Amino acid sequence: MNIANGSRRKSPLGVEHQKEENHNLLTDVMQAEHLLQLGRIEWQEEKTTFLKTTDSIQQALHQQKQEQQTREISWEAQVEDLQTQSTTMQRKKKWYPCFIPCCR
């Protein structure tokens, strides 16, 4: 050691050890970044799948609602038609009372 200028000389073994530790840390950081990127990709794929599924369900629900509305409109039209027929239908006069005196 050189005490006069306050600096220490590192042994070649210490420098090599520091380089190896730095390399290991760098490798760990790179591996962590890689795993993080893989996690992001997986999350993005899951998000896309969920969005597509949600969209499909919403479309199916919308279609079912439209079909139900169409059925209800059809039923309402049929009910109106039957009501109209029943109210406008006049009883026909019976033809037999003219010939059979007891039925008058």
N, C-alpha and C. Protein backbone atom coordinates (compact mmCIF):
# COMPACT_ATOMS: atom_id res chain seq x y z
N MET A 1 0.81 -1.17 0.00
CA MET A 1 0.00 0.00 0.00
C MET A 1 0.86 1.25 0.00
N ASN A 2 0.34 2.20 -0.67
CA ASN A 2 1.03 3.47 -0.70
C ASN A 2 0.27 4.42 0.21
N ILE A 3 0.77 4.63 1.40
CA ILE A 3 0.10 5.43 2.40
C ILE A 3 0.28 6.91 2.12
N ALA A 4 1.30 7.28 1.45
CA ALA A 4 1.61 8.69 1.23
C ALA A 4 0.52 9.38 0.43
N ASN A 5 0.04 8.79 -0.65
CA ASN A 5 -0.99 9.47 -1.44
C ASN A 5 -2.40 8.96 -1.10
N GLY A 6 -2.55 8.10 -0.14
CA GLY A 6 -3.84 7.65 0.34
C GLY A 6 -4.52 6.65 -0.57
N SER A 7 -3.89 6.16 -1.54
CA SER A 7 -4.53 5.20 -2.43
C SER A 7 -4.03 3.81 -2.12
N ARG A 8 -4.88 2.88 -2.40
CA ARG A 8 -4.50 1.49 -2.19
C ARG A 8 -4.30 0.84 -3.54
N ARG A 9 -3.40 -0.02 -3.59
CA ARG A 9 -3.23 -0.81 -4.80
C ARG A 9 -4.02 -2.09 -4.61
N LYS A 10 -4.82 -2.39 -5.60
CA LYS A 10 -5.60 -3.61 -5.52
C LYS A 10 -4.76 -4.75 -6.07
N SER A 11 -4.92 -5.83 -5.41
CA SER A 11 -4.18 -6.99 -5.90
C SER A 11 -4.86 -7.49 -7.17
N PRO A 12 -4.13 -8.12 -8.05
CA PRO A 12 -4.73 -8.64 -9.27
C PRO A 12 -5.86 -9.61 -8.98
N LEU A 13 -5.77 -10.30 -7.87
CA LEU A 13 -6.82 -11.23 -7.48
C LEU A 13 -8.10 -10.47 -7.13
N GLY A 14 -8.02 -9.35 -6.47
CA GLY A 14 -9.17 -8.54 -6.09
C GLY A 14 -9.86 -7.94 -7.30
N VAL A 15 -9.08 -7.52 -8.27
CA VAL A 15 -9.63 -6.95 -9.50
C VAL A 15 -10.39 -8.01 -10.28
N GLU A 16 -9.80 -9.18 -10.38
CA GLU A 16 -10.46 -10.28 -11.10
C GLU A 16 -11.76 -10.67 -10.40
N HIS A 17 -11.72 -10.70 -9.09
CA HIS A 17 -12.92 -11.04 -8.33
C HIS A 17 -14.01 -9.98 -8.56
N GLN A 18 -13.64 -8.71 -8.57
CA GLN A 18 -14.59 -7.62 -8.80
C GLN A 18 -15.17 -7.71 -10.20
N LYS A 19 -14.33 -8.04 -11.19
CA LYS A 19 -14.81 -8.19 -12.58
C LYS A 19 -15.81 -9.33 -12.66
N GLU A 20 -15.50 -10.43 -11.99
CA GLU A 20 -16.40 -11.59 -12.01
C GLU A 20 -17.73 -11.25 -11.35
N GLU A 21 -17.69 -10.53 -10.23
CA GLU A 21 -18.93 -10.14 -9.56
C GLU A 21 -19.75 -9.19 -10.43
N ASN A 22 -19.07 -8.25 -11.07
CA ASN A 22 -19.76 -7.33 -11.98
C ASN A 22 -20.41 -8.10 -13.12
N HIS A 23 -19.68 -9.06 -13.66
CA HIS A 23 -20.22 -9.88 -14.75
C HIS A 23 -21.44 -10.67 -14.26
N ASN A 24 -21.35 -11.24 -13.07
CA ASN A 24 -22.48 -12.00 -12.51
C ASN A 24 -23.69 -11.10 -12.29
N LEU A 25 -23.46 -9.91 -11.77
CA LEU A 25 -24.56 -8.96 -11.55
C LEU A 25 -25.20 -8.55 -12.88
N LEU A 26 -24.36 -8.29 -13.86
CA LEU A 26 -24.87 -7.93 -15.18
C LEU A 26 -25.69 -9.06 -15.77
N THR A 27 -25.21 -10.27 -15.62
CA THR A 27 -25.95 -11.43 -16.11
C THR A 27 -27.29 -11.56 -15.40
N ASP A 28 -27.29 -11.35 -14.09
CA ASP A 28 -28.53 -11.42 -13.32
C ASP A 28 -29.53 -10.36 -13.78
N VAL A 29 -29.03 -9.14 -13.99
CA VAL A 29 -29.89 -8.05 -14.44
C VAL A 29 -30.47 -8.37 -15.83
N MET A 30 -29.64 -8.86 -16.71
CA MET A 30 -30.10 -9.20 -18.07
C MET A 30 -31.14 -10.32 -18.01
N GLN A 31 -30.92 -11.30 -17.16
CA GLN A 31 -31.87 -12.40 -17.02
C GLN A 31 -33.19 -11.88 -16.44
N ALA A 32 -33.11 -11.01 -15.46
CA ALA A 32 -34.33 -10.44 -14.87
C ALA A 32 -35.09 -9.62 -15.92
N GLU A 33 -34.40 -8.84 -16.73
CA GLU A 33 -35.05 -8.07 -17.79
C GLU A 33 -35.71 -9.00 -18.80
N HIS A 34 -35.04 -10.08 -19.12
CA HIS A 34 -35.59 -11.05 -20.07
C HIS A 34 -36.87 -11.67 -19.50
N LEU A 35 -36.84 -12.07 -18.23
CA LEU A 35 -38.03 -12.65 -17.59
C LEU A 35 -39.16 -11.63 -17.52
N LEU A 36 -38.81 -10.39 -17.24
CA LEU A 36 -39.81 -9.33 -17.20
C LEU A 36 -40.45 -9.15 -18.59
N GLN A 37 -39.64 -9.17 -19.61
CA GLN A 37 -40.16 -9.03 -20.98
C GLN A 37 -41.07 -10.20 -21.33
N LEU A 38 -40.67 -11.41 -20.93
CA LEU A 38 -41.52 -12.58 -21.18
C LEU A 38 -42.85 -12.44 -20.44
N GLY A 39 -42.78 -11.95 -19.22
CA GLY A 39 -44.01 -11.73 -18.45
C GLY A 39 -44.91 -10.71 -19.11
N ARG A 40 -44.31 -9.65 -19.64
CA ARG A 40 -45.10 -8.63 -20.35
C ARG A 40 -45.76 -9.21 -21.60
N ILE A 41 -45.01 -10.01 -22.32
CA ILE A 41 -45.56 -10.62 -23.54
C ILE A 41 -46.72 -11.54 -23.18
N GLU A 42 -46.53 -12.36 -22.15
CA GLU A 42 -47.59 -13.28 -21.72
C GLU A 42 -48.82 -12.50 -21.27
N TRP A 43 -48.61 -11.43 -20.49
CA TRP A 43 -49.72 -10.61 -20.04
C TRP A 43 -50.46 -9.99 -21.22
N GLN A 44 -49.71 -9.52 -22.21
CA GLN A 44 -50.32 -8.90 -23.39
C GLN A 44 -51.16 -9.93 -24.15
N GLU A 45 -50.65 -11.16 -24.27
CA GLU A 45 -51.40 -12.21 -24.96
C GLU A 45 -52.68 -12.54 -24.20
N GLU A 46 -52.59 -12.64 -22.88
CA GLU A 46 -53.77 -12.92 -22.07
C GLU A 46 -54.78 -11.79 -22.18
N LYS A 47 -54.29 -10.56 -22.16
CA LYS A 47 -55.17 -9.40 -22.27
C LYS A 47 -55.90 -9.42 -23.62
N THR A 48 -55.17 -9.72 -24.68
CA THR A 48 -55.77 -9.80 -26.01
C THR A 48 -56.83 -10.89 -26.06
N THR A 49 -56.52 -12.04 -25.48
CA THR A 49 -57.48 -13.15 -25.46
C THR A 49 -58.74 -12.75 -24.69
N PHE A 50 -58.56 -12.12 -23.53
CA PHE A 50 -59.71 -11.70 -22.74
C PHE A 50 -60.54 -10.66 -23.48
N LEU A 51 -59.88 -9.74 -24.15
CA LEU A 51 -60.62 -8.72 -24.90
C LEU A 51 -61.41 -9.33 -26.04
N LYS A 52 -60.80 -10.29 -26.75
CA LYS A 52 -61.51 -10.96 -27.84
C LYS A 52 -62.70 -11.74 -27.31
N THR A 53 -62.50 -12.44 -26.20
CA THR A 53 -63.59 -13.21 -25.59
C THR A 53 -64.72 -12.29 -25.16
N THR A 54 -64.36 -11.18 -24.52
CA THR A 54 -65.36 -10.22 -24.07
C THR A 54 -66.13 -9.66 -25.26
N ASP A 55 -65.43 -9.35 -26.33
CA ASP A 55 -66.08 -8.82 -27.53
C ASP A 55 -67.03 -9.85 -28.13
N SER A 56 -66.60 -11.10 -28.19
CA SER A 56 -67.46 -12.17 -28.72
C SER A 56 -68.72 -12.33 -27.88
N ILE A 57 -68.55 -12.29 -26.57
CA ILE A 57 -69.71 -12.43 -25.68
C ILE A 57 -70.66 -11.26 -25.86
N GLN A 58 -70.11 -10.05 -25.97
CA GLN A 58 -70.97 -8.87 -26.16
C GLN A 58 -71.72 -8.95 -27.48
N GLN A 59 -71.05 -9.41 -28.53
CA GLN A 59 -71.72 -9.54 -29.82
C GLN A 59 -72.84 -10.59 -29.75
N ALA A 60 -72.57 -11.71 -29.10
CA ALA A 60 -73.57 -12.76 -28.97
C ALA A 60 -74.77 -12.24 -28.16
N LEU A 61 -74.50 -11.53 -27.10
CA LEU A 61 -75.57 -10.96 -26.28
C LEU A 61 -76.40 -9.96 -27.08
N HIS A 62 -75.73 -9.12 -27.83
CA HIS A 62 -76.43 -8.14 -28.67
C HIS A 62 -77.32 -8.85 -29.69
N GLN A 63 -76.79 -9.90 -30.29
CA GLN A 63 -77.56 -10.65 -31.28
C GLN A 63 -78.78 -11.31 -30.63
N GLN A 64 -78.59 -11.87 -29.44
CA GLN A 64 -79.71 -12.49 -28.74
C GLN A 64 -80.78 -11.47 -28.39
N LYS A 65 -80.35 -10.28 -27.96
CA LYS A 65 -81.31 -9.22 -27.65
C LYS A 65 -82.11 -8.83 -28.89
N GLN A 66 -81.41 -8.71 -30.02
CA GLN A 66 -82.10 -8.35 -31.26
C GLN A 66 -83.10 -9.43 -31.65
N GLU A 67 -82.70 -10.70 -31.52
CA GLU A 67 -83.60 -11.80 -31.85
C GLU A 67 -84.82 -11.80 -30.93
N GLN A 68 -84.61 -11.54 -29.65
CA GLN A 68 -85.72 -11.49 -28.70
C GLN A 68 -86.65 -10.33 -29.04
N GLN A 69 -86.09 -9.19 -29.38
CA GLN A 69 -86.93 -8.05 -29.75
C GLN A 69 -87.76 -8.37 -30.99
N THR A 70 -87.14 -9.05 -31.95
CA THR A 70 -87.86 -9.44 -33.16
C THR A 70 -89.00 -10.39 -32.82
N ARG A 71 -88.73 -11.37 -31.94
CA ARG A 71 -89.78 -12.31 -31.52
C ARG A 71 -90.91 -11.57 -30.80
N GLU A 72 -90.56 -10.65 -29.91
CA GLU A 72 -91.58 -9.90 -29.17
C GLU A 72 -92.43 -9.07 -30.10
N ILE A 73 -91.80 -8.43 -31.07
CA ILE A 73 -92.55 -7.62 -32.05
C ILE A 73 -93.50 -8.52 -32.83
N SER A 74 -93.01 -9.69 -33.22
CA SER A 74 -93.84 -10.64 -33.97
C SER A 74 -95.02 -11.10 -33.11
N TRP A 75 -94.75 -11.44 -31.85
CA TRP A 75 -95.82 -11.88 -30.96
C TRP A 75 -96.85 -10.77 -30.73
N GLU A 76 -96.37 -9.56 -30.54
CA GLU A 76 -97.28 -8.44 -30.34
C GLU A 76 -98.16 -8.22 -31.57
N ALA A 77 -97.55 -8.37 -32.74
CA ALA A 77 -98.32 -8.22 -33.98
C ALA A 77 -99.37 -9.32 -34.09
N GLN A 78 -98.99 -10.54 -33.70
CA GLN A 78 -99.96 -11.65 -33.74
C GLN A 78 -101.10 -11.42 -32.75
N VAL A 79 -100.76 -10.93 -31.55
CA VAL A 79 -101.80 -10.66 -30.55
C VAL A 79 -102.73 -9.57 -31.05
N GLU A 80 -102.17 -8.51 -31.61
CA GLU A 80 -103.01 -7.44 -32.16
C GLU A 80 -103.91 -7.96 -33.25
N ASP A 81 -103.35 -8.79 -34.12
CA ASP A 81 -104.14 -9.35 -35.22
C ASP A 81 -105.30 -10.19 -34.67
N LEU A 82 -105.00 -11.01 -33.68
CA LEU A 82 -106.05 -11.84 -33.09
C LEU A 82 -107.10 -10.98 -32.38
N GLN A 83 -106.66 -9.94 -31.70
CA GLN A 83 -107.62 -9.05 -31.04
C GLN A 83 -108.51 -8.35 -32.07
N THR A 84 -107.89 -7.93 -33.16
CA THR A 84 -108.65 -7.27 -34.22
C THR A 84 -109.65 -8.23 -34.82
N GLN A 85 -109.21 -9.44 -35.07
CA GLN A 85 -110.12 -10.44 -35.64
C GLN A 85 -111.27 -10.73 -34.69
N SER A 86 -110.97 -10.84 -33.41
CA SER A 86 -112.04 -11.18 -32.47
C SER A 86 -113.03 -10.03 -32.29
N THR A 87 -112.56 -8.80 -32.34
CA THR A 87 -113.48 -7.67 -32.16
C THR A 87 -114.26 -7.34 -33.42
N THR A 88 -113.67 -7.57 -34.56
CA THR A 88 -114.35 -7.23 -35.81
C THR A 88 -115.18 -8.37 -36.35
N MET A 89 -114.98 -9.53 -35.79
CA MET A 89 -115.72 -10.68 -36.30
C MET A 89 -117.17 -10.58 -35.81
N GLN A 90 -118.02 -10.55 -36.73
CA GLN A 90 -119.44 -10.45 -36.36
C GLN A 90 -120.03 -11.84 -36.35
N ARG A 91 -120.91 -12.01 -35.43
CA ARG A 91 -121.56 -13.31 -35.38
C ARG A 91 -122.48 -13.40 -36.60
N LYS A 92 -122.33 -14.47 -37.24
CA LYS A 92 -123.21 -14.70 -38.38
C LYS A 92 -124.58 -15.12 -37.85
N LYS A 93 -125.55 -14.66 -38.51
CA LYS A 93 -126.89 -15.06 -38.10
C LYS A 93 -127.07 -16.52 -38.44
N LYS A 94 -127.69 -17.16 -37.53
CA LYS A 94 -127.93 -18.58 -37.76
C LYS A 94 -129.02 -18.71 -38.81
N TRP A 95 -128.82 -19.57 -39.74
CA TRP A 95 -129.77 -19.72 -40.83
C TRP A 95 -130.91 -20.66 -40.49
N TYR A 96 -130.70 -21.54 -39.49
CA TYR A 96 -131.73 -22.54 -39.24
C TYR A 96 -132.96 -22.03 -38.48
N PRO A 97 -132.89 -20.92 -37.74
CA PRO A 97 -134.12 -20.50 -37.07
C PRO A 97 -135.24 -20.12 -38.05
N CYS A 98 -134.85 -19.81 -39.24
CA CYS A 98 -135.88 -19.46 -40.21
C CYS A 98 -136.74 -20.68 -40.53
N PHE A 99 -136.18 -21.84 -40.48
CA PHE A 99 -136.89 -23.04 -40.88
C PHE A 99 -137.39 -23.86 -39.69
N ILE A 100 -136.80 -23.70 -38.58
CA ILE A 100 -137.21 -24.48 -37.42
C ILE A 100 -137.81 -23.50 -36.40
N PRO A 101 -139.09 -23.59 -36.16
CA PRO A 101 -139.76 -22.62 -35.32
C PRO A 101 -139.32 -22.65 -33.86
N CYS A 102 -138.84 -23.76 -33.39
CA CYS A 102 -138.46 -23.83 -31.98
C CYS A 102 -137.16 -23.11 -31.67
N CYS A 103 -136.38 -22.78 -32.66
CA CYS A 103 -135.05 -22.18 -32.43
C CYS A 103 -135.09 -20.66 -32.57
N ARG A 104 -136.24 -20.12 -32.76
CA ARG A 104 -136.31 -18.67 -32.95
C ARG A 104 -136.10 -17.91 -31.72
